[in-house]
Amino acid sequence: DLRESTITEGGNVFKGQTDSIPLGFIQPTLDAYYEELGRLFPVYVAEFDTFQPLGSVGKKAKSGD
C-alpha cells in the first residue's frame, strides 16, 4: 500500500542560537561526528564513511546549513 505524505518540517534542529562553522572546522567536526556515530552504532561504521555533506558545507568560508 503506497501512501503519499508531505513533510512540513524545517528550521533549526537545535534549540536556541546557532552559528555558522568556519571552513577550517568543517572536516574535524565531521570526523568527530562520524567517529561518535561509529562508537554508538558499530555495526554500521562502514556506512558513515559514505556520508556526503549537503548545502554549502566545505564550499564556503563559513557553512551554516
PDB file of N, CA and C in Angstrom:
ATOM      1  N   ASP A   1       0.850  -1.172   0.000  1.00  0.00           N
ATOM      2  CA  ASP A   1       0.000   0.000   0.000  1.00  0.00           C
ATOM      3  C   ASP A   1       0.900   1.241   0.000  1.00  0.00           C
ATOM      4  N   LEU A   2       0.894   1.974  -1.081  1.00  0.00           N
ATOM      5  CA  LEU A   2       1.710   3.180  -1.218  1.00  0.00           C
ATOM      6  C   LEU A   2       0.901   4.388  -0.776  1.00  0.00           C
ATOM      7  N   ARG A   3       1.458   5.139   0.132  1.00  0.00           N
ATOM      8  CA  ARG A   3       0.771   6.332   0.637  1.00  0.00           C
ATOM      9  C   ARG A   3       1.630   7.548   0.362  1.00  0.00           C
ATOM     10  N   GLU A   4       0.980   8.634   0.109  1.00  0.00           N
ATOM     11  CA  GLU A   4       1.679   9.891  -0.128  1.00  0.00           C
ATOM     12  C   GLU A   4       1.624  10.724   1.140  1.00  0.00           C
ATOM     13  N   SER A   5       2.749  11.344   1.464  1.00  0.00           N
ATOM     14  CA  SER A   5       2.773  12.223   2.632  1.00  0.00           C
ATOM     15  C   SER A   5       3.583  13.463   2.310  1.00  0.00           C
ATOM     16  N   THR A   6       3.320  14.507   3.035  1.00  0.00           N
ATOM     17  CA  THR A   6       4.024  15.766   2.859  1.00  0.00           C
ATOM     18  C   THR A   6       4.822  16.058   4.117  1.00  0.00           C
ATOM     19  N   ILE A   7       6.077  16.389   3.931  1.00  0.00           N
ATOM     20  CA  ILE A   7       6.914  16.762   5.062  1.00  0.00           C
ATOM     21  C   ILE A   7       6.829  18.271   5.221  1.00  0.00           C
ATOM     22  N   THR A   8       6.415  18.697   6.387  1.00  0.00           N
ATOM     23  CA  THR A   8       6.238  20.132   6.615  1.00  0.00           C
ATOM     24  C   THR A   8       7.194  20.669   7.674  1.00  0.00           C
ATOM     25  N   GLU A   9       8.234  19.914   7.971  1.00  0.00           N
ATOM     26  CA  GLU A   9       9.189  20.362   8.976  1.00  0.00           C
ATOM     27  C   GLU A   9      10.244  21.263   8.344  1.00  0.00           C
ATOM     28  N   GLY A  10      10.993  21.920   9.162  1.00  0.00           N
ATOM     29  CA  GLY A  10      12.069  22.773   8.676  1.00  0.00           C
ATOM     30  C   GLY A  10      12.643  23.583   9.813  1.00  0.00           C
ATOM     31  N   GLY A  11      13.619  24.389   9.506  1.00  0.00           N
ATOM     32  CA  GLY A  11      14.242  25.216  10.535  1.00  0.00           C
ATOM     33  C   GLY A  11      15.389  24.511  11.218  1.00  0.00           C
ATOM     34  N   ASN A  12      15.830  25.080  12.312  1.00  0.00           N
ATOM     35  CA  ASN A  12      16.966  24.527  13.044  1.00  0.00           C
ATOM     36  C   ASN A  12      16.561  23.317  13.867  1.00  0.00           C
ATOM     37  N   VAL A  13      17.427  22.336  13.914  1.00  0.00           N
ATOM     38  CA  VAL A  13      17.207  21.161  14.741  1.00  0.00           C
ATOM     39  C   VAL A  13      17.574  21.457  16.195  1.00  0.00           C
ATOM     40  N   PHE A  14      18.366  22.501  16.421  1.00  0.00           N
ATOM     41  CA  PHE A  14      18.838  22.844  17.755  1.00  0.00           C
ATOM     42  C   PHE A  14      17.990  23.941  18.377  1.00  0.00           C
ATOM     43  N   LYS A  15      17.773  23.837  19.678  1.00  0.00           N
ATOM     44  CA  LYS A  15      17.092  24.893  20.421  1.00  0.00           C
ATOM     45  C   LYS A  15      18.074  26.024  20.657  1.00  0.00           C
ATOM     46  N   GLY A  16      17.574  27.228  20.688  1.00  0.00           N
ATOM     47  CA  GLY A  16      18.448  28.357  20.989  1.00  0.00           C
ATOM     48  C   GLY A  16      19.231  28.824  19.778  1.00  0.00           C
ATOM     49  N   GLN A  17      20.242  29.603  20.053  1.00  0.00           N
ATOM     50  CA  GLN A  17      21.029  30.227  18.995  1.00  0.00           C
ATOM     51  C   GLN A  17      22.056  29.252  18.419  1.00  0.00           C
ATOM     52  N   THR A  18      22.218  29.287  17.114  1.00  0.00           N
ATOM     53  CA  THR A  18      23.259  28.518  16.432  1.00  0.00           C
ATOM     54  C   THR A  18      24.093  29.486  15.615  1.00  0.00           C
ATOM     55  N   ASP A  19      25.221  29.028  15.124  1.00  0.00           N
ATOM     56  CA  ASP A  19      26.107  29.894  14.357  1.00  0.00           C
ATOM     57  C   ASP A  19      26.732  29.093  13.230  1.00  0.00           C
ATOM     58  N   SER A  20      27.296  29.790  12.272  1.00  0.00           N
ATOM     59  CA  SER A  20      27.993  29.153  11.163  1.00  0.00           C
ATOM     60  C   SER A  20      29.312  28.554  11.648  1.00  0.00           C
ATOM     61  N   ILE A  21      29.812  27.574  10.904  1.00  0.00           N
ATOM     62  CA  ILE A  21      31.078  26.920  11.228  1.00  0.00           C
ATOM     63  C   ILE A  21      32.124  27.360  10.209  1.00  0.00           C
ATOM     64  N   PRO A  22      33.274  27.875  10.667  1.00  0.00           N
ATOM     65  CA  PRO A  22      34.341  28.251   9.735  1.00  0.00           C
ATOM     66  C   PRO A  22      34.856  27.032   8.965  1.00  0.00           C
ATOM     67  N   LEU A  23      35.287  27.247   7.745  1.00  0.00           N
ATOM     68  CA  LEU A  23      35.741  26.182   6.850  1.00  0.00           C
ATOM     69  C   LEU A  23      36.772  25.264   7.503  1.00  0.00           C
ATOM     70  N   GLY A  24      37.715  25.824   8.239  1.00  0.00           N
ATOM     71  CA  GLY A  24      38.763  25.023   8.867  1.00  0.00           C
ATOM     72  C   GLY A  24      38.265  24.057   9.927  1.00  0.00           C
ATOM     73  N   PHE A  25      37.059  24.277  10.426  1.00  0.00           N
ATOM     74  CA  PHE A  25      36.496  23.405  11.459  1.00  0.00           C
ATOM     75  C   PHE A  25      35.570  22.337  10.882  1.00  0.00           C
ATOM     76  N   ILE A  26      35.247  22.437   9.600  1.00  0.00           N
ATOM     77  CA  ILE A  26      34.275  21.511   8.996  1.00  0.00           C
ATOM     78  C   ILE A  26      34.751  20.066   9.070  1.00  0.00           C
ATOM     79  N   GLN A  27      35.899  19.760   8.476  1.00  0.00           N
ATOM     80  CA  GLN A  27      36.351  18.366   8.415  1.00  0.00           C
ATOM     81  C   GLN A  27      36.607  17.778   9.797  1.00  0.00           C
ATOM     82  N   PRO A  28      37.283  18.496  10.714  1.00  0.00           N
ATOM     83  CA  PRO A  28      37.453  17.923  12.056  1.00  0.00           C
ATOM     84  C   PRO A  28      36.114  17.669  12.769  1.00  0.00           C
ATOM     85  N   THR A  29      35.146  18.542  12.550  1.00  0.00           N
ATOM     86  CA  THR A  29      33.824  18.357  13.153  1.00  0.00           C
ATOM     87  C   THR A  29      33.138  17.129  12.567  1.00  0.00           C
ATOM     88  N   LEU A  30      33.193  16.988  11.243  1.00  0.00           N
ATOM     89  CA  LEU A  30      32.597  15.812  10.601  1.00  0.00           C
ATOM     90  C   LEU A  30      33.295  14.531  11.046  1.00  0.00           C
ATOM     91  N   ASP A  31      34.628  14.560  11.121  1.00  0.00           N
ATOM     92  CA  ASP A  31      35.378  13.377  11.550  1.00  0.00           C
ATOM     93  C   ASP A  31      34.971  12.949  12.958  1.00  0.00           C
ATOM     94  N   ALA A  32      34.840  13.917  13.864  1.00  0.00           N
ATOM     95  CA  ALA A  32      34.430  13.607  15.239  1.00  0.00           C
ATOM     96  C   ALA A  32      33.002  13.063  15.270  1.00  0.00           C
ATOM     97  N   TYR A  33      32.146  13.626  14.431  1.00  0.00           N
ATOM     98  CA  TYR A  33      30.755  13.171  14.343  1.00  0.00           C
ATOM     99  C   TYR A  33      30.690  11.724  13.850  1.00  0.00           C
ATOM    100  N   TYR A  34      31.429  11.417  12.781  1.00  0.00           N
ATOM    101  CA  TYR A  34      31.432  10.051  12.243  1.00  0.00           C
ATOM    102  C   TYR A  34      32.021   9.066  13.248  1.00  0.00           C
ATOM    103  N   GLU A  35      33.052   9.499  13.960  1.00  0.00           N
ATOM    104  CA  GLU A  35      33.659   8.639  14.980  1.00  0.00           C
ATOM    105  C   GLU A  35      32.651   8.323  16.086  1.00  0.00           C
ATOM    106  N   GLU A  36      31.915   9.326  16.514  1.00  0.00           N
ATOM    107  CA  GLU A  36      30.904   9.113  17.554  1.00  0.00           C
ATOM    108  C   GLU A  36      29.779   8.212  17.052  1.00  0.00           C
ATOM    109  N   LEU A  37      29.355   8.404  15.808  1.00  0.00           N
ATOM    110  CA  LEU A  37      28.340   7.511  15.239  1.00  0.00           C
ATOM    111  C   LEU A  37      28.843   6.071  15.217  1.00  0.00           C
ATOM    112  N   GLY A  38      30.107   5.889  14.850  1.00  0.00           N
ATOM    113  CA  GLY A  38      30.701   4.555  14.825  1.00  0.00           C
ATOM    114  C   GLY A  38      30.756   3.921  16.206  1.00  0.00           C
ATOM    115  N   ARG A  39      30.993   4.742  17.218  1.00  0.00           N
ATOM    116  CA  ARG A  39      31.016   4.242  18.589  1.00  0.00           C
ATOM    117  C   ARG A  39      29.613   3.818  19.028  1.00  0.00           C
ATOM    118  N   LEU A  40      28.619   4.608  18.656  1.00  0.00           N
ATOM    119  CA  LEU A  40      27.244   4.318  19.051  1.00  0.00           C
ATOM    120  C   LEU A  40      26.618   3.183  18.244  1.00  0.00           C
ATOM    121  N   PHE A  41      27.004   3.093  16.973  1.00  0.00           N
ATOM    122  CA  PHE A  41      26.417   2.100  16.063  1.00  0.00           C
ATOM    123  C   PHE A  41      27.524   1.337  15.339  1.00  0.00           C
ATOM    124  N   PRO A  42      28.292   0.500  16.050  1.00  0.00           N
ATOM    125  CA  PRO A  42      29.452  -0.167  15.447  1.00  0.00           C
ATOM    126  C   PRO A  42      29.116  -1.065  14.255  1.00  0.00           C
ATOM    127  N   VAL A  43      27.922  -1.586  14.207  1.00  0.00           N
ATOM    128  CA  VAL A  43      27.530  -2.456  13.092  1.00  0.00           C
ATOM    129  C   VAL A  43      27.503  -1.680  11.770  1.00  0.00           C
ATOM    130  N   TYR A  44      27.256  -0.374  11.844  1.00  0.00           N
ATOM    131  CA  TYR A  44      27.105   0.445  10.643  1.00  0.00           C
ATOM    132  C   TYR A  44      28.304   1.351  10.369  1.00  0.00           C
ATOM    133  N   VAL A  45      29.421   1.124  11.038  1.00  0.00           N
ATOM    134  CA  VAL A  45      30.560   2.039  10.949  1.00  0.00           C
ATOM    135  C   VAL A  45      31.015   2.271   9.504  1.00  0.00           C
ATOM    136  N   ALA A  46      30.982   1.276   8.652  1.00  0.00           N
ATOM    137  CA  ALA A  46      31.409   1.443   7.252  1.00  0.00           C
ATOM    138  C   ALA A  46      30.485   2.381   6.485  1.00  0.00           C
ATOM    139  N   GLU A  47      29.235   2.443   6.876  1.00  0.00           N
ATOM    140  CA  GLU A  47      28.275   3.317   6.197  1.00  0.00           C
ATOM    141  C   GLU A  47      28.586   4.791   6.405  1.00  0.00           C
ATOM    142  N   PHE A  48      29.132   5.134   7.551  1.00  0.00           N
ATOM    143  CA  PHE A  48      29.370   6.537   7.867  1.00  0.00           C
ATOM    144  C   PHE A  48      30.457   7.146   6.992  1.00  0.00           C
ATOM    145  N   ASP A  49      31.348   6.320   6.452  1.00  0.00           N
ATOM    146  CA  ASP A  49      32.382   6.811   5.535  1.00  0.00           C
ATOM    147  C   ASP A  49      31.807   7.229   4.188  1.00  0.00           C
ATOM    148  N   THR A  50      30.576   6.831   3.906  1.00  0.00           N
ATOM    149  CA  THR A  50      29.959   7.160   2.618  1.00  0.00           C
ATOM    150  C   THR A  50      29.106   8.419   2.688  1.00  0.00           C
ATOM    151  N   PHE A  51      28.948   8.996   3.879  1.00  0.00           N
ATOM    152  CA  PHE A  51      28.135  10.208   4.026  1.00  0.00           C
ATOM    153  C   PHE A  51      28.740  11.359   3.237  1.00  0.00           C
ATOM    154  N   GLN A  52      27.896  12.146   2.597  1.00  0.00           N
ATOM    155  CA  GLN A  52      28.321  13.320   1.847  1.00  0.00           C
ATOM    156  C   GLN A  52      27.652  14.556   2.441  1.00  0.00           C
ATOM    157  N   PRO A  53      28.433  15.606   2.733  1.00  0.00           N
ATOM    158  CA  PRO A  53      27.833  16.837   3.258  1.00  0.00           C
ATOM    159  C   PRO A  53      26.861  17.459   2.257  1.00  0.00           C
ATOM    160  N   LEU A  54      25.892  18.193   2.774  1.00  0.00           N
ATOM    161  CA  LEU A  54      24.895  18.865   1.942  1.00  0.00           C
ATOM    162  C   LEU A  54      25.094  20.373   1.979  1.00  0.00           C
ATOM    163  N   GLY A  55      24.446  21.056   1.082  1.00  0.00           N
ATOM    164  CA  GLY A  55      24.440  22.519   1.080  1.00  0.00           C
ATOM    165  C   GLY A  55      25.815  23.114   0.860  1.00  0.00           C
ATOM    166  N   SER A  56      26.125  24.144   1.644  1.00  0.00           N
ATOM    167  CA  SER A  56      27.383  24.875   1.465  1.00  0.00           C
ATOM    168  C   SER A  56      28.533  24.279   2.267  1.00  0.00           C
ATOM    169  N   VAL A  57      28.311  23.164   2.938  1.00  0.00           N
ATOM    170  CA  VAL A  57      29.340  22.575   3.799  1.00  0.00           C
ATOM    171  C   VAL A  57      30.620  22.306   3.011  1.00  0.00           C
ATOM    172  N   GLY A  58      31.704  22.961   3.429  1.00  0.00           N
ATOM    173  CA  GLY A  58      33.008  22.776   2.802  1.00  0.00           C
ATOM    174  C   GLY A  58      33.217  23.555   1.525  1.00  0.00           C
ATOM    175  N   LYS A  59      32.221  24.333   1.103  1.00  0.00           N
ATOM    176  CA  LYS A  59      32.323  25.077  -0.156  1.00  0.00           C
ATOM    177  C   LYS A  59      32.483  26.574   0.055  1.00  0.00           C
ATOM    178  N   LYS A  60      32.126  27.042   1.225  1.00  0.00           N
ATOM    179  CA  LYS A  60      32.201  28.469   1.529  1.00  0.00           C
ATOM    180  C   LYS A  60      33.109  28.683   2.735  1.00  0.00           C
ATOM    181  N   ALA A  61      33.494  29.934   2.967  1.00  0.00           N
ATOM    182  CA  ALA A  61      34.337  30.253   4.120  1.00  0.00           C
ATOM    183  C   ALA A  61      33.648  29.890   5.431  1.00  0.00           C
ATOM    184  N   LYS A  62      32.317  29.998   5.465  1.00  0.00           N
ATOM    185  CA  LYS A  62      31.518  29.596   6.621  1.00  0.00           C
ATOM    186  C   LYS A  62      30.303  28.836   6.120  1.00  0.00           C
ATOM    187  N   SER A  63      29.955  27.785   6.837  1.00  0.00           N
ATOM    188  CA  SER A  63      28.779  26.993   6.489  1.00  0.00           C
ATOM    189  C   SER A  63      27.773  27.082   7.616  1.00  0.00           C
ATOM    190  N   GLY A  64      26.543  27.361   7.264  1.00  0.00           N
ATOM    191  CA  GLY A  64      25.504  27.489   8.275  1.00  0.00           C
ATOM    192  C   GLY A  64      24.337  26.565   8.047  1.00  0.00           C
ATOM    193  N   ASP A  65      24.491  25.606   7.159  1.00  0.00           N
ATOM    194  CA  ASP A  65      23.373  24.692   6.909  1.00  0.00           C
ATOM    195  C   ASP A  65      23.782  23.253   7.093  1.00  0.00           C
TER     196      ASP A  65
END
